[in-house]
């Protein structure tokens, strides 16, 4: 199953982002990634995976409702 990023939203501090993904079967999901560090190395790692949605807007609405940093970014 392949998928590609159709939308990316970054946190204000640049340490997290969420990508809305389109799958080749016509469904969508989102994946949150967070900047981490360990022993002086900085890297990105997935920290939240969503379920599957019928459209990209539904996936984004769920990301905004689920991820605290993204929800607070809307309110301020």
PDB file of N, CA and C in Angstrom:
ATOM      1  N   UNK A   1       0.851  -1.179   0.000  1.00  0.00           N
ATOM      2  CA  UNK A   1       0.000   0.000   0.000  1.00  0.00           C
ATOM      3  C   UNK A   1       0.890   1.233   0.000  1.00  0.00           C
ATOM      4  N   UNK A   2       0.756   2.042  -1.016  1.00  0.00           N
ATOM      5  CA  UNK A   2       1.536   3.281  -1.012  1.00  0.00           C
ATOM      6  C   UNK A   2       0.644   4.452  -0.615  1.00  0.00           C
ATOM      7  N   UNK A   3       1.286   5.495  -0.138  1.00  0.00           N
ATOM      8  CA  UNK A   3       0.581   6.705   0.246  1.00  0.00           C
ATOM      9  C   UNK A   3       1.490   7.890   0.025  1.00  0.00           C
ATOM     10  N   UNK A   4       0.886   9.064  -0.081  1.00  0.00           N
ATOM     11  CA  UNK A   4       1.683  10.278  -0.261  1.00  0.00           C
ATOM     12  C   UNK A   4       1.081  11.409   0.556  1.00  0.00           C
ATOM     13  N   UNK A   5       1.939  12.339   0.922  1.00  0.00           N
ATOM     14  CA  UNK A   5       1.540  13.474   1.752  1.00  0.00           C
ATOM     15  C   UNK A   5       0.801  14.486   0.879  1.00  0.00           C
ATOM     16  N   UNK A   6      -0.399  14.879   1.345  1.00  0.00           N
ATOM     17  CA  UNK A   6      -1.138  15.908   0.618  1.00  0.00           C
ATOM     18  C   UNK A   6      -1.211  17.222   1.401  1.00  0.00           C
ATOM     19  N   UNK A   7      -0.911  17.154   2.703  1.00  0.00           N
ATOM     20  CA  UNK A   7      -0.954  18.344   3.547  1.00  0.00           C
ATOM     21  C   UNK A   7      -0.032  18.131   4.737  1.00  0.00           C
ATOM     22  N   UNK A   8       0.691  19.170   5.113  1.00  0.00           N
ATOM     23  CA  UNK A   8       1.573  19.100   6.282  1.00  0.00           C
ATOM     24  C   UNK A   8       1.363  20.349   7.123  1.00  0.00           C
ATOM     25  N   UNK A   9       1.154  20.164   8.418  1.00  0.00           N
ATOM     26  CA  UNK A   9       0.955  21.279   9.344  1.00  0.00           C
ATOM     27  C   UNK A   9       2.026  21.173  10.423  1.00  0.00           C
ATOM     28  N   UNK A  10       2.801  22.239  10.590  1.00  0.00           N
ATOM     29  CA  UNK A  10       3.876  22.242  11.583  1.00  0.00           C
ATOM     30  C   UNK A  10       3.460  23.000  12.834  1.00  0.00           C
ATOM     31  N   UNK A  11       3.993  22.584  13.963  1.00  0.00           N
ATOM     32  CA  UNK A  11       3.761  23.304  15.215  1.00  0.00           C
ATOM     33  C   UNK A  11       4.500  24.634  15.163  1.00  0.00           C
ATOM     34  N   UNK A  12       4.068  25.560  15.985  1.00  0.00           N
ATOM     35  CA  UNK A  12       4.710  26.885  16.005  1.00  0.00           C
ATOM     36  C   UNK A  12       6.185  26.810  16.380  1.00  0.00           C
ATOM     37  N   UNK A  13       6.522  25.886  17.272  1.00  0.00           N
ATOM     38  CA  UNK A  13       7.923  25.784  17.695  1.00  0.00           C
ATOM     39  C   UNK A  13       8.769  24.920  16.751  1.00  0.00           C
ATOM     40  N   UNK A  14       8.141  24.331  15.736  1.00  0.00           N
ATOM     41  CA  UNK A  14       8.867  23.542  14.753  1.00  0.00           C
ATOM     42  C   UNK A  14       9.307  22.171  15.224  1.00  0.00           C
ATOM     43  N   UNK A  15       8.810  21.724  16.382  1.00  0.00           N
ATOM     44  CA  UNK A  15       9.254  20.438  16.921  1.00  0.00           C
ATOM     45  C   UNK A  15       8.269  19.303  16.670  1.00  0.00           C
ATOM     46  N   UNK A  16       7.134  19.612  16.066  1.00  0.00           N
ATOM     47  CA  UNK A  16       6.151  18.589  15.723  1.00  0.00           C
ATOM     48  C   UNK A  16       5.500  18.964  14.401  1.00  0.00           C
ATOM     49  N   UNK A  17       5.034  17.961  13.703  1.00  0.00           N
ATOM     50  CA  UNK A  17       4.220  18.210  12.515  1.00  0.00           C
ATOM     51  C   UNK A  17       3.276  17.035  12.322  1.00  0.00           C
ATOM     52  N   UNK A  18       2.219  17.309  11.587  1.00  0.00           N
ATOM     53  CA  UNK A  18       1.284  16.258  11.223  1.00  0.00           C
ATOM     54  C   UNK A  18       1.153  16.272   9.702  1.00  0.00           C
ATOM     55  N   UNK A  19       1.125  15.086   9.138  1.00  0.00           N
ATOM     56  CA  UNK A  19       0.954  14.952   7.693  1.00  0.00           C
ATOM     57  C   UNK A  19      -0.347  14.227   7.414  1.00  0.00           C
ATOM     58  N   UNK A  20      -1.140  14.788   6.519  1.00  0.00           N
ATOM     59  CA  UNK A  20      -2.356  14.142   6.033  1.00  0.00           C
ATOM     60  C   UNK A  20      -1.918  13.342   4.821  1.00  0.00           C
ATOM     61  N   UNK A  21      -2.199  12.050   4.860  1.00  0.00           N
ATOM     62  CA  UNK A  21      -1.716  11.129   3.834  1.00  0.00           C
ATOM     63  C   UNK A  21      -2.876  10.601   2.996  1.00  0.00           C
ATOM     64  N   UNK A  22      -2.685  10.556   1.674  1.00  0.00           N
ATOM     65  CA  UNK A  22      -3.630   9.912   0.767  1.00  0.00           C
ATOM     66  C   UNK A  22      -3.086   8.540   0.417  1.00  0.00           C
ATOM     67  N   UNK A  23      -3.915   7.546   0.595  1.00  0.00           N
ATOM     68  CA  UNK A  23      -3.515   6.180   0.255  1.00  0.00           C
ATOM     69  C   UNK A  23      -3.938   5.861  -1.165  1.00  0.00           C
ATOM     70  N   UNK A  24      -3.300   4.869  -1.771  1.00  0.00           N
ATOM     71  CA  UNK A  24      -3.639   4.545  -3.154  1.00  0.00           C
ATOM     72  C   UNK A  24      -4.998   3.847  -3.288  1.00  0.00           C
ATOM     73  N   UNK A  25      -5.637   3.499  -2.173  1.00  0.00           N
ATOM     74  CA  UNK A  25      -6.983   2.917  -2.234  1.00  0.00           C
ATOM     75  C   UNK A  25      -8.077   3.973  -2.084  1.00  0.00           C
ATOM     76  N   UNK A  26      -7.680   5.264  -2.072  1.00  0.00           N
ATOM     77  CA  UNK A  26      -8.642   6.348  -2.001  1.00  0.00           C
ATOM     78  C   UNK A  26      -9.014   6.774  -0.593  1.00  0.00           C
ATOM     79  N   UNK A  27      -8.389   6.188   0.417  1.00  0.00           N
ATOM     80  CA  UNK A  27      -8.649   6.544   1.807  1.00  0.00           C
ATOM     81  C   UNK A  27      -7.528   7.441   2.332  1.00  0.00           C
ATOM     82  N   UNK A  28      -7.706   7.968   3.548  1.00  0.00           N
ATOM     83  CA  UNK A  28      -6.774   8.937   4.101  1.00  0.00           C
ATOM     84  C   UNK A  28      -6.461   8.614   5.558  1.00  0.00           C
ATOM     85  N   UNK A  29      -5.344   9.142   6.047  1.00  0.00           N
ATOM     86  CA  UNK A  29      -4.983   9.030   7.459  1.00  0.00           C
ATOM     87  C   UNK A  29      -4.048  10.174   7.797  1.00  0.00           C
ATOM     88  N   UNK A  30      -3.716  10.317   9.079  1.00  0.00           N
ATOM     89  CA  UNK A  30      -2.707  11.299   9.462  1.00  0.00           C
ATOM     90  C   UNK A  30      -1.678  10.647  10.357  1.00  0.00           C
ATOM     91  N   UNK A  31      -0.474  11.203  10.298  1.00  0.00           N
ATOM     92  CA  UNK A  31       0.638  10.742  11.123  1.00  0.00           C
ATOM     93  C   UNK A  31       1.305  11.972  11.728  1.00  0.00           C
ATOM     94  N   UNK A  32       1.450  11.949  13.055  1.00  0.00           N
ATOM     95  CA  UNK A  32       2.169  13.010  13.750  1.00  0.00           C
ATOM     96  C   UNK A  32       3.616  12.554  13.947  1.00  0.00           C
ATOM     97  N   UNK A  33       4.554  13.458  13.750  1.00  0.00           N
ATOM     98  CA  UNK A  33       5.968  13.198  14.031  1.00  0.00           C
ATOM     99  C   UNK A  33       6.483  14.261  14.981  1.00  0.00           C
ATOM    100  N   UNK A  34       7.424  13.854  15.835  1.00  0.00           N
ATOM    101  CA  UNK A  34       7.976  14.733  16.851  1.00  0.00           C
ATOM    102  C   UNK A  34       9.501  14.674  16.803  1.00  0.00           C
ATOM    103  N   UNK A  35      10.118  15.831  16.993  1.00  0.00           N
ATOM    104  CA  UNK A  35      11.579  15.895  17.054  1.00  0.00           C
ATOM    105  C   UNK A  35      12.033  15.340  18.405  1.00  0.00           C
ATOM    106  N   UNK A  36      12.960  14.420  18.365  1.00  0.00           N
ATOM    107  CA  UNK A  36      13.501  13.804  19.574  1.00  0.00           C
ATOM    108  C   UNK A  36      15.018  13.960  19.570  1.00  0.00           C
ATOM    109  N   UNK A  37      15.621  13.752  20.729  1.00  0.00           N
ATOM    110  CA  UNK A  37      17.082  13.747  20.794  1.00  0.00           C
ATOM    111  C   UNK A  37      17.521  12.660  21.758  1.00  0.00           C
ATOM    112  N   UNK A  38      18.664  12.088  21.449  1.00  0.00           N
ATOM    113  CA  UNK A  38      19.229  11.030  22.281  1.00  0.00           C
ATOM    114  C   UNK A  38      20.738  11.052  22.105  1.00  0.00           C
ATOM    115  N   UNK A  39      21.435  11.233  23.195  1.00  0.00           N
ATOM    116  CA  UNK A  39      22.896  11.237  23.196  1.00  0.00           C
ATOM    117  C   UNK A  39      23.474  12.179  22.138  1.00  0.00           C
ATOM    118  N   UNK A  40      22.876  13.346  22.025  1.00  0.00           N
ATOM    119  CA  UNK A  40      23.381  14.352  21.107  1.00  0.00           C
ATOM    120  C   UNK A  40      22.859  14.251  19.684  1.00  0.00           C
ATOM    121  N   UNK A  41      22.113  13.213  19.374  1.00  0.00           N
ATOM    122  CA  UNK A  41      21.541  13.072  18.043  1.00  0.00           C
ATOM    123  C   UNK A  41      20.111  13.580  18.051  1.00  0.00           C
ATOM    124  N   UNK A  42      19.752  14.320  17.017  1.00  0.00           N
ATOM    125  CA  UNK A  42      18.391  14.824  16.865  1.00  0.00           C
ATOM    126  C   UNK A  42      17.774  14.097  15.679  1.00  0.00           C
ATOM    127  N   UNK A  43      16.544  13.618  15.857  1.00  0.00           N
ATOM    128  CA  UNK A  43      15.876  12.870  14.806  1.00  0.00           C
ATOM    129  C   UNK A  43      14.371  13.045  14.930  1.00  0.00           C
ATOM    130  N   UNK A  44      13.662  12.710  13.879  1.00  0.00           N
ATOM    131  CA  UNK A  44      12.203  12.753  13.854  1.00  0.00           C
ATOM    132  C   UNK A  44      11.661  11.338  13.974  1.00  0.00           C
ATOM    133  N   UNK A  45      10.600  11.202  14.764  1.00  0.00           N
ATOM    134  CA  UNK A  45       9.988   9.888  14.907  1.00  0.00           C
ATOM    135  C   UNK A  45       8.463  10.025  14.917  1.00  0.00           C
ATOM    136  N   UNK A  46       7.753   9.084  14.299  1.00  0.00           N
ATOM    137  CA  UNK A  46       6.295   9.111  14.366  1.00  0.00           C
ATOM    138  C   UNK A  46       5.841   8.914  15.813  1.00  0.00           C
ATOM    139  N   UNK A  47       4.884   9.723  16.253  1.00  0.00           N
ATOM    140  CA  UNK A  47       4.407   9.636  17.629  1.00  0.00           C
ATOM    141  C   UNK A  47       2.904   9.415  17.726  1.00  0.00           C
ATOM    142  N   UNK A  48       2.194   9.505  16.617  1.00  0.00           N
ATOM    143  CA  UNK A  48       0.757   9.205  16.623  1.00  0.00           C
ATOM    144  C   UNK A  48       0.337   8.804  15.220  1.00  0.00           C
ATOM    145  N   UNK A  49      -0.418   7.718  15.129  1.00  0.00           N
ATOM    146  CA  UNK A  49      -0.968   7.244  13.868  1.00  0.00           C
ATOM    147  C   UNK A  49      -2.477   7.214  14.006  1.00  0.00           C
ATOM    148  N   UNK A  50      -3.156   7.712  13.014  1.00  0.00           N
ATOM    149  CA  UNK A  50      -4.618   7.724  13.070  1.00  0.00           C
ATOM    150  C   UNK A  50      -5.192   6.449  12.476  1.00  0.00           C
ATOM    151  N   UNK A  51      -6.493   6.388  12.556  1.00  0.00           N
ATOM    152  CA  UNK A  51      -7.234   5.380  11.814  1.00  0.00           C
ATOM    153  C   UNK A  51      -7.384   5.839  10.367  1.00  0.00           C
ATOM    154  N   UNK A  52      -8.329   5.251   9.675  1.00  0.00           N
ATOM    155  CA  UNK A  52      -8.541   5.522   8.257  1.00  0.00           C
ATOM    156  C   UNK A  52      -9.812   6.361   8.089  1.00  0.00           C
ATOM    157  N   UNK A  53      -9.763   7.308   7.153  1.00  0.00           N
ATOM    158  CA  UNK A  53     -10.885   8.211   6.910  1.00  0.00           C
ATOM    159  C   UNK A  53     -11.261   8.208   5.432  1.00  0.00           C
ATOM    160  N   UNK A  54     -12.514   8.566   5.165  1.00  0.00           N
ATOM    161  CA  UNK A  54     -13.009   8.601   3.783  1.00  0.00           C
ATOM    162  C   UNK A  54     -12.505   9.796   2.989  1.00  0.00           C
ATOM    163  N   UNK A  55     -12.161  10.899   3.684  1.00  0.00           N
ATOM    164  CA  UNK A  55     -11.668  12.067   2.957  1.00  0.00           C
ATOM    165  C   UNK A  55     -10.612  12.796   3.791  1.00  0.00           C
ATOM    166  N   UNK A  56      -9.839  13.619   3.100  1.00  0.00           N
ATOM    167  CA  UNK A  56      -8.714  14.322   3.733  1.00  0.00           C
ATOM    168  C   UNK A  56      -9.192  15.320   4.782  1.00  0.00           C
ATOM    169  N   UNK A  57     -10.304  15.985   4.534  1.00  0.00           N
ATOM    170  CA  UNK A  57     -10.801  16.968   5.499  1.00  0.00           C
ATOM    171  C   UNK A  57     -11.188  16.308   6.818  1.00  0.00           C
ATOM    172  N   UNK A  58     -11.783  15.132   6.745  1.00  0.00           N
ATOM    173  CA  UNK A  58     -12.141  14.394   7.966  1.00  0.00           C
ATOM    174  C   UNK A  58     -10.870  14.007   8.725  1.00  0.00           C
ATOM    175  N   UNK A  59      -9.844  13.570   8.017  1.00  0.00           N
ATOM    176  CA  UNK A  59      -8.573  13.224   8.655  1.00  0.00           C
ATOM    177  C   UNK A  59      -7.971  14.446   9.347  1.00  0.00           C
ATOM    178  N   UNK A  60      -8.016  15.599   8.692  1.00  0.00           N
ATOM    179  CA  UNK A  60      -7.466  16.811   9.301  1.00  0.00           C
ATOM    180  C   UNK A  60      -8.285  17.255  10.516  1.00  0.00           C
ATOM    181  N   UNK A  61      -9.606  17.191  10.421  1.00  0.00           N
ATOM    182  CA  UNK A  61     -10.443  17.554  11.570  1.00  0.00           C
ATOM    183  C   UNK A  61     -10.140  16.660  12.768  1.00  0.00           C
ATOM    184  N   UNK A  62      -9.951  15.380  12.521  1.00  0.00           N
ATOM    185  CA  UNK A  62      -9.635  14.453  13.611  1.00  0.00           C
ATOM    186  C   UNK A  62      -8.254  14.750  14.191  1.00  0.00           C
ATOM    187  N   UNK A  63      -7.294  15.096  13.344  1.00  0.00           N
ATOM    188  CA  UNK A  63      -5.956  15.468  13.830  1.00  0.00           C
ATOM    189  C   UNK A  63      -6.063  16.683  14.739  1.00  0.00           C
ATOM    190  N   UNK A  64      -6.827  17.684  14.322  1.00  0.00           N
ATOM    191  CA  UNK A  64      -6.986  18.905  15.119  1.00  0.00           C
ATOM    192  C   UNK A  64      -7.692  18.622  16.442  1.00  0.00           C
ATOM    193  N   UNK A  65      -8.595  17.651  16.456  1.00  0.00           N
ATOM    194  CA  UNK A  65      -9.307  17.295  17.685  1.00  0.00           C
ATOM    195  C   UNK A  65      -8.466  16.412  18.597  1.00  0.00           C
ATOM    196  N   UNK A  66      -7.550  15.651  18.042  1.00  0.00           N
ATOM    197  CA  UNK A  66      -6.794  14.644  18.787  1.00  0.00           C
ATOM    198  C   UNK A  66      -5.477  15.152  19.355  1.00  0.00           C
ATOM    199  N   UNK A  67      -4.765  15.966  18.601  1.00  0.00           N
ATOM    200  CA  UNK A  67      -3.413  16.371  18.978  1.00  0.00           C
ATOM    201  C   UNK A  67      -3.447  17.672  19.772  1.00  0.00           C
ATOM    202  N   UNK A  68      -3.062  17.639  21.054  1.00  0.00           N
ATOM    203  CA  UNK A  68      -3.158  18.836  21.897  1.00  0.00           C
ATOM    204  C   UNK A  68      -2.436  20.058  21.333  1.00  0.00           C
ATOM    205  N   UNK A  69      -1.242  19.899  20.792  1.00  0.00           N
ATOM    206  CA  UNK A  69      -0.494  21.050  20.274  1.00  0.00           C
ATOM    207  C   UNK A  69      -1.217  21.672  19.089  1.00  0.00           C
ATOM    208  N   UNK A  70      -1.856  20.854  18.278  1.00  0.00           N
ATOM    209  CA  UNK A  70      -2.554  21.369  17.102  1.00  0.00           C
ATOM    210  C   UNK A  70      -3.862  22.041  17.516  1.00  0.00           C
ATOM    211  N   UNK A  71      -4.530  21.468  18.482  1.00  0.00           N
ATOM    212  CA  UNK A  71      -5.770  22.056  19.004  1.00  0.00           C
ATOM    213  C   UNK A  71      -5.486  23.429  19.621  1.00  0.00           C
ATOM    214  N   UNK A  72      -4.427  23.533  20.438  1.00  0.00           N
ATOM    215  CA  UNK A  72      -4.111  24.806  21.081  1.00  0.00           C
ATOM    216  C   UNK A  72      -3.612  25.829  20.062  1.00  0.00           C
ATOM    217  N   UNK A  73      -3.027  25.387  18.988  1.00  0.00           N
ATOM    218  CA  UNK A  73      -2.553  26.285  17.938  1.00  0.00           C
ATOM    219  C   UNK A  73      -3.730  26.987  17.277  1.00  0.00           C
ATOM    220  N   UNK A  74      -4.862  26.336  17.208  1.00  0.00           N
ATOM    221  CA  UNK A  74      -6.064  26.913  16.611  1.00  0.00           C
ATOM    222  C   UNK A  74      -6.659  27.968  17.547  1.00  0.00           C
ATOM    223  N   UNK A  75      -6.620  27.691  18.849  1.00  0.00           N
ATOM    224  CA  UNK A  75      -7.283  28.545  19.835  1.00  0.00           C
ATOM    225  C   UNK A  75      -6.534  29.836  20.124  1.00  0.00           C
ATOM    226  N   UNK A  76      -5.232  29.869  19.824  1.00  0.00           N
ATOM    227  CA  UNK A  76      -4.460  31.065  20.171  1.00  0.00           C
ATOM    228  C   UNK A  76      -4.122  31.876  18.938  1.00  0.00           C
TER     229      UNK A  76
END
